[in-house]
Every structure is written in C-alpha cells, then in structure tokens.
Amino acid sequence: MTDNVKSFKPYRSQVWIYPYFALVVLLFLFQTSFGVVTAHYIVELGGLYGIDIRNIFPYSITRSWRLQLSIFWIATAWLTGGMFIATMLSKREPKGQ
C-alpha cells in the first residue's frame, strides 16, 4: 500500500498557486487584527490598550474593513483551493496552464 501524502509531488501550476495561499494568510491576519480593534472599541472606548486610535481608524471603518477582508480571504481561499485540488484530482496538468 502506498502513502499518497508522502509521495505527493506538486505540479508546476500548483507551485505557482503558493503565493495565493500566502495572500489568504495575510488577508486573514489583517481581518483578525481589525476584529481586535473593533472589539476594543466596544470594550475600551478610548482606543486600543490606552492608545487613542479613533482619529486613525474610526469605528465604522474598522467594522467595514473587517467584513470586507473576511469576504476577500474566504473568496481567495475558495478559488485557490479549487485550482489546487482540481489538478490533484485530475492527476494531470492541462497544457498551457
């Protein structure tokens, strides 16, 4: 019996998708950080750990950016995962991809 995980060798198109996975991680981290800032607006009205950030990031901006970034990272992860898995399931790389 062979172990498919240990013997996996990515196709060239799959290797080119790796930067998009990094983009997903960055978008997720930005979305999480805006979630922290938004939560601190509710708990601590003065800002973030005593730092007044109301002039830099108003509450409405942090809420909308948090929502938009969550949509962006989920959509990017969905498309990137689909492109990565499609080649893996077909077990061949389409010509010119």
PDB file of N, CA and C in Angstrom:
ATOM      1  N   MET A   1       0.841  -1.175   0.000  1.00  0.00           N
ATOM      2  CA  MET A   1       0.000   0.000   0.000  1.00  0.00           C
ATOM      3  C   MET A   1       0.894   1.248   0.000  1.00  0.00           C
ATOM      4  N   THR A   2       0.594   2.202  -0.852  1.00  0.00           N
ATOM      5  CA  THR A   2       1.401   3.423  -0.935  1.00  0.00           C
ATOM      6  C   THR A   2       0.715   4.555  -0.186  1.00  0.00           C
ATOM      7  N   ASP A   3       1.535   5.427   0.364  1.00  0.00           N
ATOM      8  CA  ASP A   3       1.038   6.597   1.078  1.00  0.00           C
ATOM      9  C   ASP A   3       1.004   7.769   0.099  1.00  0.00           C
ATOM     10  N   ASN A   4      -0.192   8.225  -0.273  1.00  0.00           N
ATOM     11  CA  ASN A   4      -0.333   9.287  -1.262  1.00  0.00           C
ATOM     12  C   ASN A   4       0.172  10.630  -0.762  1.00  0.00           C
ATOM     13  N   VAL A   5       0.136  10.841   0.545  1.00  0.00           N
ATOM     14  CA  VAL A   5       0.603  12.113   1.100  1.00  0.00           C
ATOM     15  C   VAL A   5       2.118  12.203   1.004  1.00  0.00           C
ATOM     16  N   LYS A   6       2.814  11.129   1.355  1.00  0.00           N
ATOM     17  CA  LYS A   6       4.283  11.146   1.307  1.00  0.00           C
ATOM     18  C   LYS A   6       4.810  11.167  -0.114  1.00  0.00           C
ATOM     19  N   SER A   7       4.084  10.570  -1.038  1.00  0.00           N
ATOM     20  CA  SER A   7       4.555  10.510  -2.419  1.00  0.00           C
ATOM     21  C   SER A   7       4.040  11.663  -3.284  1.00  0.00           C
ATOM     22  N   PHE A   8       3.366  12.642  -2.673  1.00  0.00           N
ATOM     23  CA  PHE A   8       2.790  13.755  -3.436  1.00  0.00           C
ATOM     24  C   PHE A   8       3.885  14.667  -3.971  1.00  0.00           C
ATOM     25  N   LYS A   9       3.853  14.922  -5.250  1.00  0.00           N
ATOM     26  CA  LYS A   9       4.750  15.874  -5.900  1.00  0.00           C
ATOM     27  C   LYS A   9       3.874  16.889  -6.631  1.00  0.00           C
ATOM     28  N   PRO A  10       3.939  18.172  -6.236  1.00  0.00           N
ATOM     29  CA  PRO A  10       3.048  19.162  -6.857  1.00  0.00           C
ATOM     30  C   PRO A  10       3.418  19.433  -8.320  1.00  0.00           C
ATOM     31  N   TYR A  11       2.387  19.697  -9.101  1.00  0.00           N
ATOM     32  CA  TYR A  11       2.593  20.112 -10.482  1.00  0.00           C
ATOM     33  C   TYR A  11       3.062  21.566 -10.495  1.00  0.00           C
ATOM     34  N   ARG A  12       3.555  21.984 -11.658  1.00  0.00           N
ATOM     35  CA  ARG A  12       4.065  23.353 -11.767  1.00  0.00           C
ATOM     36  C   ARG A  12       2.966  24.384 -11.516  1.00  0.00           C
ATOM     37  N   SER A  13       1.754  24.123 -11.979  1.00  0.00           N
ATOM     38  CA  SER A  13       0.655  25.059 -11.745  1.00  0.00           C
ATOM     39  C   SER A  13       0.299  25.139 -10.265  1.00  0.00           C
ATOM     40  N   GLN A  14       0.470  24.043  -9.540  1.00  0.00           N
ATOM     41  CA  GLN A  14       0.201  24.066  -8.111  1.00  0.00           C
ATOM     42  C   GLN A  14       1.254  24.871  -7.355  1.00  0.00           C
ATOM     43  N   VAL A  15       2.488  24.801  -7.797  1.00  0.00           N
ATOM     44  CA  VAL A  15       3.549  25.583  -7.161  1.00  0.00           C
ATOM     45  C   VAL A  15       3.307  27.072  -7.378  1.00  0.00           C
ATOM     46  N   TRP A  16       2.789  27.431  -8.538  1.00  0.00           N
ATOM     47  CA  TRP A  16       2.509  28.845  -8.828  1.00  0.00           C
ATOM     48  C   TRP A  16       1.341  29.380  -7.996  1.00  0.00           C
ATOM     49  N   ILE A  17       0.575  28.513  -7.402  1.00  0.00           N
ATOM     50  CA  ILE A  17      -0.567  28.930  -6.577  1.00  0.00           C
ATOM     51  C   ILE A  17      -0.130  29.241  -5.143  1.00  0.00           C
ATOM     52  N   TYR A  18       1.048  28.813  -4.724  1.00  0.00           N
ATOM     53  CA  TYR A  18       1.516  29.042  -3.348  1.00  0.00           C
ATOM     54  C   TYR A  18       1.452  30.505  -2.911  1.00  0.00           C
ATOM     55  N   PRO A  19       1.820  31.490  -3.746  1.00  0.00           N
ATOM     56  CA  PRO A  19       1.695  32.887  -3.290  1.00  0.00           C
ATOM     57  C   PRO A  19       0.257  33.290  -2.959  1.00  0.00           C
ATOM     58  N   TYR A  20      -0.705  32.680  -3.614  1.00  0.00           N
ATOM     59  CA  TYR A  20      -2.099  32.990  -3.298  1.00  0.00           C
ATOM     60  C   TYR A  20      -2.484  32.442  -1.932  1.00  0.00           C
ATOM     61  N   PHE A  21      -1.908  31.291  -1.545  1.00  0.00           N
ATOM     62  CA  PHE A  21      -2.128  30.792  -0.190  1.00  0.00           C
ATOM     63  C   PHE A  21      -1.527  31.755   0.834  1.00  0.00           C
ATOM     64  N   ALA A  22      -0.365  32.327   0.516  1.00  0.00           N
ATOM     65  CA  ALA A  22       0.235  33.324   1.406  1.00  0.00           C
ATOM     66  C   ALA A  22      -0.646  34.564   1.491  1.00  0.00           C
ATOM     67  N   LEU A  23      -1.257  34.949   0.384  1.00  0.00           N
ATOM     68  CA  LEU A  23      -2.179  36.083   0.379  1.00  0.00           C
ATOM     69  C   LEU A  23      -3.391  35.804   1.262  1.00  0.00           C
ATOM     70  N   VAL A  24      -3.884  34.580   1.232  1.00  0.00           N
ATOM     71  CA  VAL A  24      -5.009  34.199   2.090  1.00  0.00           C
ATOM     72  C   VAL A  24      -4.630  34.371   3.559  1.00  0.00           C
ATOM     73  N   VAL A  25      -3.432  33.940   3.921  1.00  0.00           N
ATOM     74  CA  VAL A  25      -2.977  34.066   5.307  1.00  0.00           C
ATOM     75  C   VAL A  25      -2.867  35.534   5.699  1.00  0.00           C
ATOM     76  N   LEU A  26      -2.306  36.367   4.825  1.00  0.00           N
ATOM     77  CA  LEU A  26      -2.186  37.799   5.130  1.00  0.00           C
ATOM     78  C   LEU A  26      -3.551  38.466   5.274  1.00  0.00           C
ATOM     79  N   LEU A  27      -4.472  38.153   4.383  1.00  0.00           N
ATOM     80  CA  LEU A  27      -5.815  38.721   4.485  1.00  0.00           C
ATOM     81  C   LEU A  27      -6.493  38.277   5.773  1.00  0.00           C
ATOM     82  N   PHE A  28      -6.291  37.019   6.148  1.00  0.00           N
ATOM     83  CA  PHE A  28      -6.872  36.521   7.397  1.00  0.00           C
ATOM     84  C   PHE A  28      -6.282  37.246   8.607  1.00  0.00           C
ATOM     85  N   LEU A  29      -4.966  37.469   8.595  1.00  0.00           N
ATOM     86  CA  LEU A  29      -4.336  38.165   9.722  1.00  0.00           C
ATOM     87  C   LEU A  29      -4.808  39.613   9.819  1.00  0.00           C
ATOM     88  N   PHE A  30      -4.941  40.292   8.675  1.00  0.00           N
ATOM     89  CA  PHE A  30      -5.461  41.664   8.691  1.00  0.00           C
ATOM     90  C   PHE A  30      -6.906  41.689   9.184  1.00  0.00           C
ATOM     91  N   GLN A  31      -7.700  40.735   8.743  1.00  0.00           N
ATOM     92  CA  GLN A  31      -9.095  40.673   9.178  1.00  0.00           C
ATOM     93  C   GLN A  31      -9.184  40.424  10.674  1.00  0.00           C
ATOM     94  N   THR A  32      -8.327  39.562  11.184  1.00  0.00           N
ATOM     95  CA  THR A  32      -8.308  39.284  12.614  1.00  0.00           C
ATOM     96  C   THR A  32      -7.870  40.512  13.406  1.00  0.00           C
ATOM     97  N   SER A  33      -6.866  41.225  12.901  1.00  0.00           N
ATOM     98  CA  SER A  33      -6.401  42.415  13.623  1.00  0.00           C
ATOM     99  C   SER A  33      -7.473  43.509  13.635  1.00  0.00           C
ATOM    100  N   PHE A  34      -8.205  43.665  12.559  1.00  0.00           N
ATOM    101  CA  PHE A  34      -9.304  44.624  12.573  1.00  0.00           C
ATOM    102  C   PHE A  34     -10.434  44.166  13.490  1.00  0.00           C
ATOM    103  N   GLY A  35     -10.599  42.860  13.655  1.00  0.00           N
ATOM    104  CA  GLY A  35     -11.562  42.351  14.621  1.00  0.00           C
ATOM    105  C   GLY A  35     -11.165  42.696  16.048  1.00  0.00           C
ATOM    106  N   VAL A  36      -9.861  42.630  16.325  1.00  0.00           N
ATOM    107  CA  VAL A  36      -9.365  43.006  17.656  1.00  0.00           C
ATOM    108  C   VAL A  36      -9.622  44.484  17.919  1.00  0.00           C
ATOM    109  N   VAL A  37      -9.324  45.313  16.929  1.00  0.00           N
ATOM    110  CA  VAL A  37      -9.540  46.760  17.082  1.00  0.00           C
ATOM    111  C   VAL A  37     -11.028  47.058  17.266  1.00  0.00           C
ATOM    112  N   THR A  38     -11.868  46.402  16.496  1.00  0.00           N
ATOM    113  CA  THR A  38     -13.307  46.623  16.607  1.00  0.00           C
ATOM    114  C   THR A  38     -13.828  46.186  17.975  1.00  0.00           C
ATOM    115  N   ALA A  39     -13.346  45.070  18.474  1.00  0.00           N
ATOM    116  CA  ALA A  39     -13.765  44.611  19.799  1.00  0.00           C
ATOM    117  C   ALA A  39     -13.309  45.578  20.888  1.00  0.00           C
ATOM    118  N   HIS A  40     -12.141  46.168  20.712  1.00  0.00           N
ATOM    119  CA  HIS A  40     -11.659  47.114  21.718  1.00  0.00           C
ATOM    120  C   HIS A  40     -12.459  48.408  21.708  1.00  0.00           C
ATOM    121  N   TYR A  41     -13.007  48.773  20.579  1.00  0.00           N
ATOM    122  CA  TYR A  41     -13.888  49.939  20.558  1.00  0.00           C
ATOM    123  C   TYR A  41     -15.114  49.711  21.442  1.00  0.00           C
ATOM    124  N   ILE A  42     -15.598  48.489  21.490  1.00  0.00           N
ATOM    125  CA  ILE A  42     -16.781  48.185  22.303  1.00  0.00           C
ATOM    126  C   ILE A  42     -16.411  48.130  23.784  1.00  0.00           C
ATOM    127  N   VAL A  43     -15.270  47.519  24.099  1.00  0.00           N
ATOM    128  CA  VAL A  43     -14.868  47.346  25.493  1.00  0.00           C
ATOM    129  C   VAL A  43     -14.208  48.602  26.047  1.00  0.00           C
ATOM    130  N   GLU A  44     -13.277  49.160  25.282  1.00  0.00           N
ATOM    131  CA  GLU A  44     -12.491  50.301  25.741  1.00  0.00           C
ATOM    132  C   GLU A  44     -12.739  51.459  24.769  1.00  0.00           C
ATOM    133  N   LEU A  45     -13.566  52.392  25.160  1.00  0.00           N
ATOM    134  CA  LEU A  45     -13.982  53.465  24.249  1.00  0.00           C
ATOM    135  C   LEU A  45     -12.831  54.376  23.836  1.00  0.00           C
ATOM    136  N   GLY A  46     -11.774  54.415  24.624  1.00  0.00           N
ATOM    137  CA  GLY A  46     -10.651  55.310  24.331  1.00  0.00           C
ATOM    138  C   GLY A  46      -9.746  54.824  23.230  1.00  0.00           C
ATOM    139  N   GLY A  47      -9.856  53.579  22.821  1.00  0.00           N
ATOM    140  CA  GLY A  47      -8.992  53.098  21.754  1.00  0.00           C
ATOM    141  C   GLY A  47      -8.499  51.695  22.005  1.00  0.00           C
ATOM    142  N   LEU A  48      -7.227  51.495  21.740  1.00  0.00           N
ATOM    143  CA  LEU A  48      -6.620  50.172  21.787  1.00  0.00           C
ATOM    144  C   LEU A  48      -5.514  50.170  22.825  1.00  0.00           C
ATOM    145  N   TYR A  49      -5.751  49.500  23.956  1.00  0.00           N
ATOM    146  CA  TYR A  49      -4.780  49.415  25.051  1.00  0.00           C
ATOM    147  C   TYR A  49      -4.271  50.792  25.471  1.00  0.00           C
ATOM    148  N   GLY A  50      -5.175  51.745  25.572  1.00  0.00           N
ATOM    149  CA  GLY A  50      -4.815  53.082  26.008  1.00  0.00           C
ATOM    150  C   GLY A  50      -4.328  54.009  24.914  1.00  0.00           C
ATOM    151  N   ILE A  51      -4.119  53.507  23.722  1.00  0.00           N
ATOM    152  CA  ILE A  51      -3.681  54.326  22.591  1.00  0.00           C
ATOM    153  C   ILE A  51      -4.926  54.815  21.865  1.00  0.00           C
ATOM    154  N   ASP A  52      -5.032  56.128  21.715  1.00  0.00           N
ATOM    155  CA  ASP A  52      -6.211  56.695  21.058  1.00  0.00           C
ATOM    156  C   ASP A  52      -6.071  56.533  19.546  1.00  0.00           C
ATOM    157  N   ILE A  53      -6.840  55.618  18.980  1.00  0.00           N
ATOM    158  CA  ILE A  53      -6.766  55.357  17.544  1.00  0.00           C
ATOM    159  C   ILE A  53      -8.035  55.802  16.821  1.00  0.00           C
ATOM    160  N   ARG A  54      -8.883  56.554  17.523  1.00  0.00           N
ATOM    161  CA  ARG A  54     -10.146  56.962  16.911  1.00  0.00           C
ATOM    162  C   ARG A  54      -9.940  57.875  15.707  1.00  0.00           C
ATOM    163  N   ASN A  55      -8.871  58.653  15.694  1.00  0.00           N
ATOM    164  CA  ASN A  55      -8.612  59.548  14.555  1.00  0.00           C
ATOM    165  C   ASN A  55      -8.015  58.794  13.372  1.00  0.00           C
ATOM    166  N   ILE A  56      -7.312  57.701  13.641  1.00  0.00           N
ATOM    167  CA  ILE A  56      -6.689  56.929  12.566  1.00  0.00           C
ATOM    168  C   ILE A  56      -7.694  55.961  11.947  1.00  0.00           C
ATOM    169  N   PHE A  57      -8.346  55.159  12.814  1.00  0.00           N
ATOM    170  CA  PHE A  57      -9.326  54.175  12.367  1.00  0.00           C
ATOM    171  C   PHE A  57     -10.634  54.386  13.112  1.00  0.00           C
ATOM    172  N   PRO A  58     -11.558  55.117  12.528  1.00  0.00           N
ATOM    173  CA  PRO A  58     -12.870  55.246  13.183  1.00  0.00           C
ATOM    174  C   PRO A  58     -13.582  53.893  13.248  1.00  0.00           C
ATOM    175  N   TYR A  59     -14.522  53.792  14.158  1.00  0.00           N
ATOM    176  CA  TYR A  59     -15.237  52.538  14.392  1.00  0.00           C
ATOM    177  C   TYR A  59     -15.907  52.019  13.120  1.00  0.00           C
ATOM    178  N   SER A  60     -16.523  52.886  12.355  1.00  0.00           N
ATOM    179  CA  SER A  60     -17.214  52.444  11.135  1.00  0.00           C
ATOM    180  C   SER A  60     -16.235  51.879  10.110  1.00  0.00           C
ATOM    181  N   ILE A  61     -15.032  52.423  10.060  1.00  0.00           N
ATOM    182  CA  ILE A  61     -14.017  51.917   9.122  1.00  0.00           C
ATOM    183  C   ILE A  61     -13.555  50.526   9.538  1.00  0.00           C
ATOM    184  N   THR A  62     -13.284  50.349  10.836  1.00  0.00           N
ATOM    185  CA  THR A  62     -12.810  49.030  11.274  1.00  0.00           C
ATOM    186  C   THR A  62     -13.872  47.953  11.069  1.00  0.00           C
ATOM    187  N   ARG A  63     -15.136  48.288  11.284  1.00  0.00           N
ATOM    188  CA  ARG A  63     -16.207  47.296  11.068  1.00  0.00           C
ATOM    189  C   ARG A  63     -16.332  46.939   9.597  1.00  0.00           C
ATOM    190  N   SER A  64     -16.307  47.938   8.721  1.00  0.00           N
ATOM    191  CA  SER A  64     -16.481  47.641   7.293  1.00  0.00           C
ATOM    192  C   SER A  64     -15.257  46.922   6.724  1.00  0.00           C
ATOM    193  N   TRP A  65     -14.045  47.316   7.131  1.00  0.00           N
ATOM    194  CA  TRP A  65     -12.840  46.638   6.639  1.00  0.00           C
ATOM    195  C   TRP A  65     -12.785  45.198   7.128  1.00  0.00           C
ATOM    196  N   ARG A  66     -13.222  44.987   8.363  1.00  0.00           N
ATOM    197  CA  ARG A  66     -13.224  43.622   8.891  1.00  0.00           C
ATOM    198  C   ARG A  66     -14.152  42.738   8.069  1.00  0.00           C
ATOM    199  N   LEU A  67     -15.316  43.227   7.729  1.00  0.00           N
ATOM    200  CA  LEU A  67     -16.253  42.458   6.929  1.00  0.00           C
ATOM    201  C   LEU A  67     -15.724  42.237   5.512  1.00  0.00           C
ATOM    202  N   GLN A  68     -15.200  43.285   4.894  1.00  0.00           N
ATOM    203  CA  GLN A  68     -14.685  43.161   3.530  1.00  0.00           C
ATOM    204  C   GLN A  68     -13.489  42.219   3.462  1.00  0.00           C
ATOM    205  N   LEU A  69     -12.587  42.312   4.432  1.00  0.00           N
ATOM    206  CA  LEU A  69     -11.427  41.428   4.433  1.00  0.00           C
ATOM    207  C   LEU A  69     -11.828  39.973   4.634  1.00  0.00           C
ATOM    208  N   SER A  70     -12.870  39.730   5.423  1.00  0.00           N
ATOM    209  CA  SER A  70     -13.319  38.341   5.585  1.00  0.00           C
ATOM    210  C   SER A  70     -13.878  37.801   4.272  1.00  0.00           C
ATOM    211  N   ILE A  71     -14.595  38.630   3.539  1.00  0.00           N
ATOM    212  CA  ILE A  71     -15.103  38.203   2.229  1.00  0.00           C
ATOM    213  C   ILE A  71     -13.946  37.940   1.275  1.00  0.00           C
ATOM    214  N   PHE A  72     -12.937  38.801   1.290  1.00  0.00           N
ATOM    215  CA  PHE A  72     -11.785  38.640   0.387  1.00  0.00           C
ATOM    216  C   PHE A  72     -10.997  37.369   0.684  1.00  0.00           C
ATOM    217  N   TRP A  73     -10.700  37.099   1.984  1.00  0.00           N
ATOM    218  CA  TRP A  73      -9.872  35.925   2.245  1.00  0.00           C
ATOM    219  C   TRP A  73     -10.640  34.635   2.022  1.00  0.00           C
ATOM    220  N   ILE A  74     -11.941  34.635   2.288  1.00  0.00           N
ATOM    221  CA  ILE A  74     -12.718  33.422   2.040  1.00  0.00           C
ATOM    222  C   ILE A  74     -12.835  33.153   0.543  1.00  0.00           C
ATOM    223  N   ALA A  75     -13.089  34.191  -0.240  1.00  0.00           N
ATOM    224  CA  ALA A  75     -13.191  34.011  -1.695  1.00  0.00           C
ATOM    225  C   ALA A  75     -11.850  33.594  -2.297  1.00  0.00           C
ATOM    226  N   THR A  76     -10.771  34.209  -1.837  1.00  0.00           N
ATOM    227  CA  THR A  76      -9.443  33.854  -2.342  1.00  0.00           C
ATOM    228  C   THR A  76      -9.084  32.422  -1.966  1.00  0.00           C
ATOM    229  N   ALA A  77      -9.403  32.019  -0.750  1.00  0.00           N
ATOM    230  CA  ALA A  77      -9.116  30.645  -0.324  1.00  0.00           C
ATOM    231  C   ALA A  77      -9.947  29.640  -1.125  1.00  0.00           C
ATOM    232  N   TRP A  78     -11.183  29.988  -1.393  1.00  0.00           N
ATOM    233  CA  TRP A  78     -12.060  29.094  -2.156  1.00  0.00           C
ATOM    234  C   TRP A  78     -11.526  28.892  -3.577  1.00  0.00           C
ATOM    235  N   LEU A  79     -11.179  29.980  -4.244  1.00  0.00           N
ATOM    236  CA  LEU A  79     -10.672  29.875  -5.617  1.00  0.00           C
ATOM    237  C   LEU A  79      -9.302  29.202  -5.670  1.00  0.00           C
ATOM    238  N   THR A  80      -8.431  29.565  -4.739  1.00  0.00           N
ATOM    239  CA  THR A  80      -7.095  28.985  -4.716  1.00  0.00           C
ATOM    240  C   THR A  80      -7.154  27.492  -4.417  1.00  0.00           C
ATOM    241  N   GLY A  81      -7.955  27.117  -3.449  1.00  0.00           N
ATOM    242  CA  GLY A  81      -8.101  25.703  -3.131  1.00  0.00           C
ATOM    243  C   GLY A  81      -8.690  24.913  -4.287  1.00  0.00           C
ATOM    244  N   GLY A  82      -9.654  25.527  -4.978  1.00  0.00           N
ATOM    245  CA  GLY A  82     -10.246  24.864  -6.136  1.00  0.00           C
ATOM    246  C   GLY A  82      -9.248  24.629  -7.252  1.00  0.00           C
ATOM    247  N   MET A  83      -8.416  25.628  -7.523  1.00  0.00           N
ATOM    248  CA  MET A  83      -7.402  25.466  -8.568  1.00  0.00           C
ATOM    249  C   MET A  83      -6.341  24.445  -8.167  1.00  0.00           C
ATOM    250  N   PHE A  84      -6.015  24.409  -6.874  1.00  0.00           N
ATOM    251  CA  PHE A  84      -5.003  23.463  -6.404  1.00  0.00           C
ATOM    252  C   PHE A  84      -5.537  22.035  -6.440  1.00  0.00           C
ATOM    253  N   ILE A  85      -6.760  21.846  -5.973  1.00  0.00           N
ATOM    254  CA  ILE A  85      -7.322  20.499  -5.875  1.00  0.00           C
ATOM    255  C   ILE A  85      -7.738  19.957  -7.244  1.00  0.00           C
ATOM    256  N   ALA A  86      -8.147  20.832  -8.166  1.00  0.00           N
ATOM    257  CA  ALA A  86      -8.583  20.357  -9.484  1.00  0.00           C
ATOM    258  C   ALA A  86      -7.462  19.614 -10.200  1.00  0.00           C
ATOM    259  N   THR A  87      -6.254  20.156 -10.139  1.00  0.00           N
ATOM    260  CA  THR A  87      -5.120  19.487 -10.766  1.00  0.00           C
ATOM    261  C   THR A  87      -4.796  18.190 -10.044  1.00  0.00           C
ATOM    262  N   MET A  88      -4.932  18.192  -8.723  1.00  0.00           N
ATOM    263  CA  MET A  88      -4.635  16.986  -7.947  1.00  0.00           C
ATOM    264  C   MET A  88      -5.631  15.870  -8.257  1.00  0.00           C
ATOM    265  N   LEU A  89      -6.903  16.218  -8.399  1.00  0.00           N
ATOM    266  CA  LEU A  89      -7.916  15.197  -8.663  1.00  0.00           C
ATOM    267  C   LEU A  89      -7.840  14.658 -10.087  1.00  0.00           C
ATOM    268  N   SER A  90      -7.501  15.516 -11.045  1.00  0.00           N
ATOM    269  CA  SER A  90      -7.430  15.059 -12.427  1.00  0.00           C
ATOM    270  C   SER A  90      -6.147  14.280 -12.711  1.00  0.00           C
ATOM    271  N   LYS A  91      -5.146  14.412 -11.826  1.00  0.00           N
ATOM    272  CA  LYS A  91      -3.857  13.730 -11.950  1.00  0.00           C
ATOM    273  C   LYS A  91      -3.147  14.050 -13.246  1.00  0.00           C
ATOM    274  N   ARG A  92      -3.436  15.218 -13.776  1.00  0.00           N
ATOM    275  CA  ARG A  92      -2.694  15.699 -14.953  1.00  0.00           C
ATOM    276  C   ARG A  92      -2.804  17.221 -14.959  1.00  0.00           C
ATOM    277  N   GLU A  93      -1.838  17.825 -15.600  1.00  0.00           N
ATOM    278  CA  GLU A  93      -1.829  19.281 -15.698  1.00  0.00           C
ATOM    279  C   GLU A  93      -2.238  19.668 -17.115  1.00  0.00           C
ATOM    280  N   PRO A  94      -3.301  20.454 -17.253  1.00  0.00           N
ATOM    281  CA  PRO A  94      -3.697  20.866 -18.595  1.00  0.00           C
ATOM    282  C   PRO A  94      -2.588  21.645 -19.281  1.00  0.00           C
ATOM    283  N   LYS A  95      -2.462  21.442 -20.562  1.00  0.00           N
ATOM    284  CA  LYS A  95      -1.397  22.095 -21.324  1.00  0.00           C
ATOM    285  C   LYS A  95      -1.610  23.599 -21.331  1.00  0.00           C
ATOM    286  N   GLY A  96      -0.555  24.329 -21.084  1.00  0.00           N
ATOM    287  CA  GLY A  96      -0.603  25.793 -21.099  1.00  0.00           C
ATOM    288  C   GLY A  96      -1.122  26.427 -19.818  1.00  0.00           C
ATOM    289  N   GLN A  97      -1.348  25.636 -18.823  1.00  0.00           N
ATOM    290  CA  GLN A  97      -1.870  26.212 -17.571  1.00  0.00           C
ATOM    291  C   GLN A  97      -0.745  26.802 -16.750  1.00  0.00           C
TER     292      GLN A  97
END
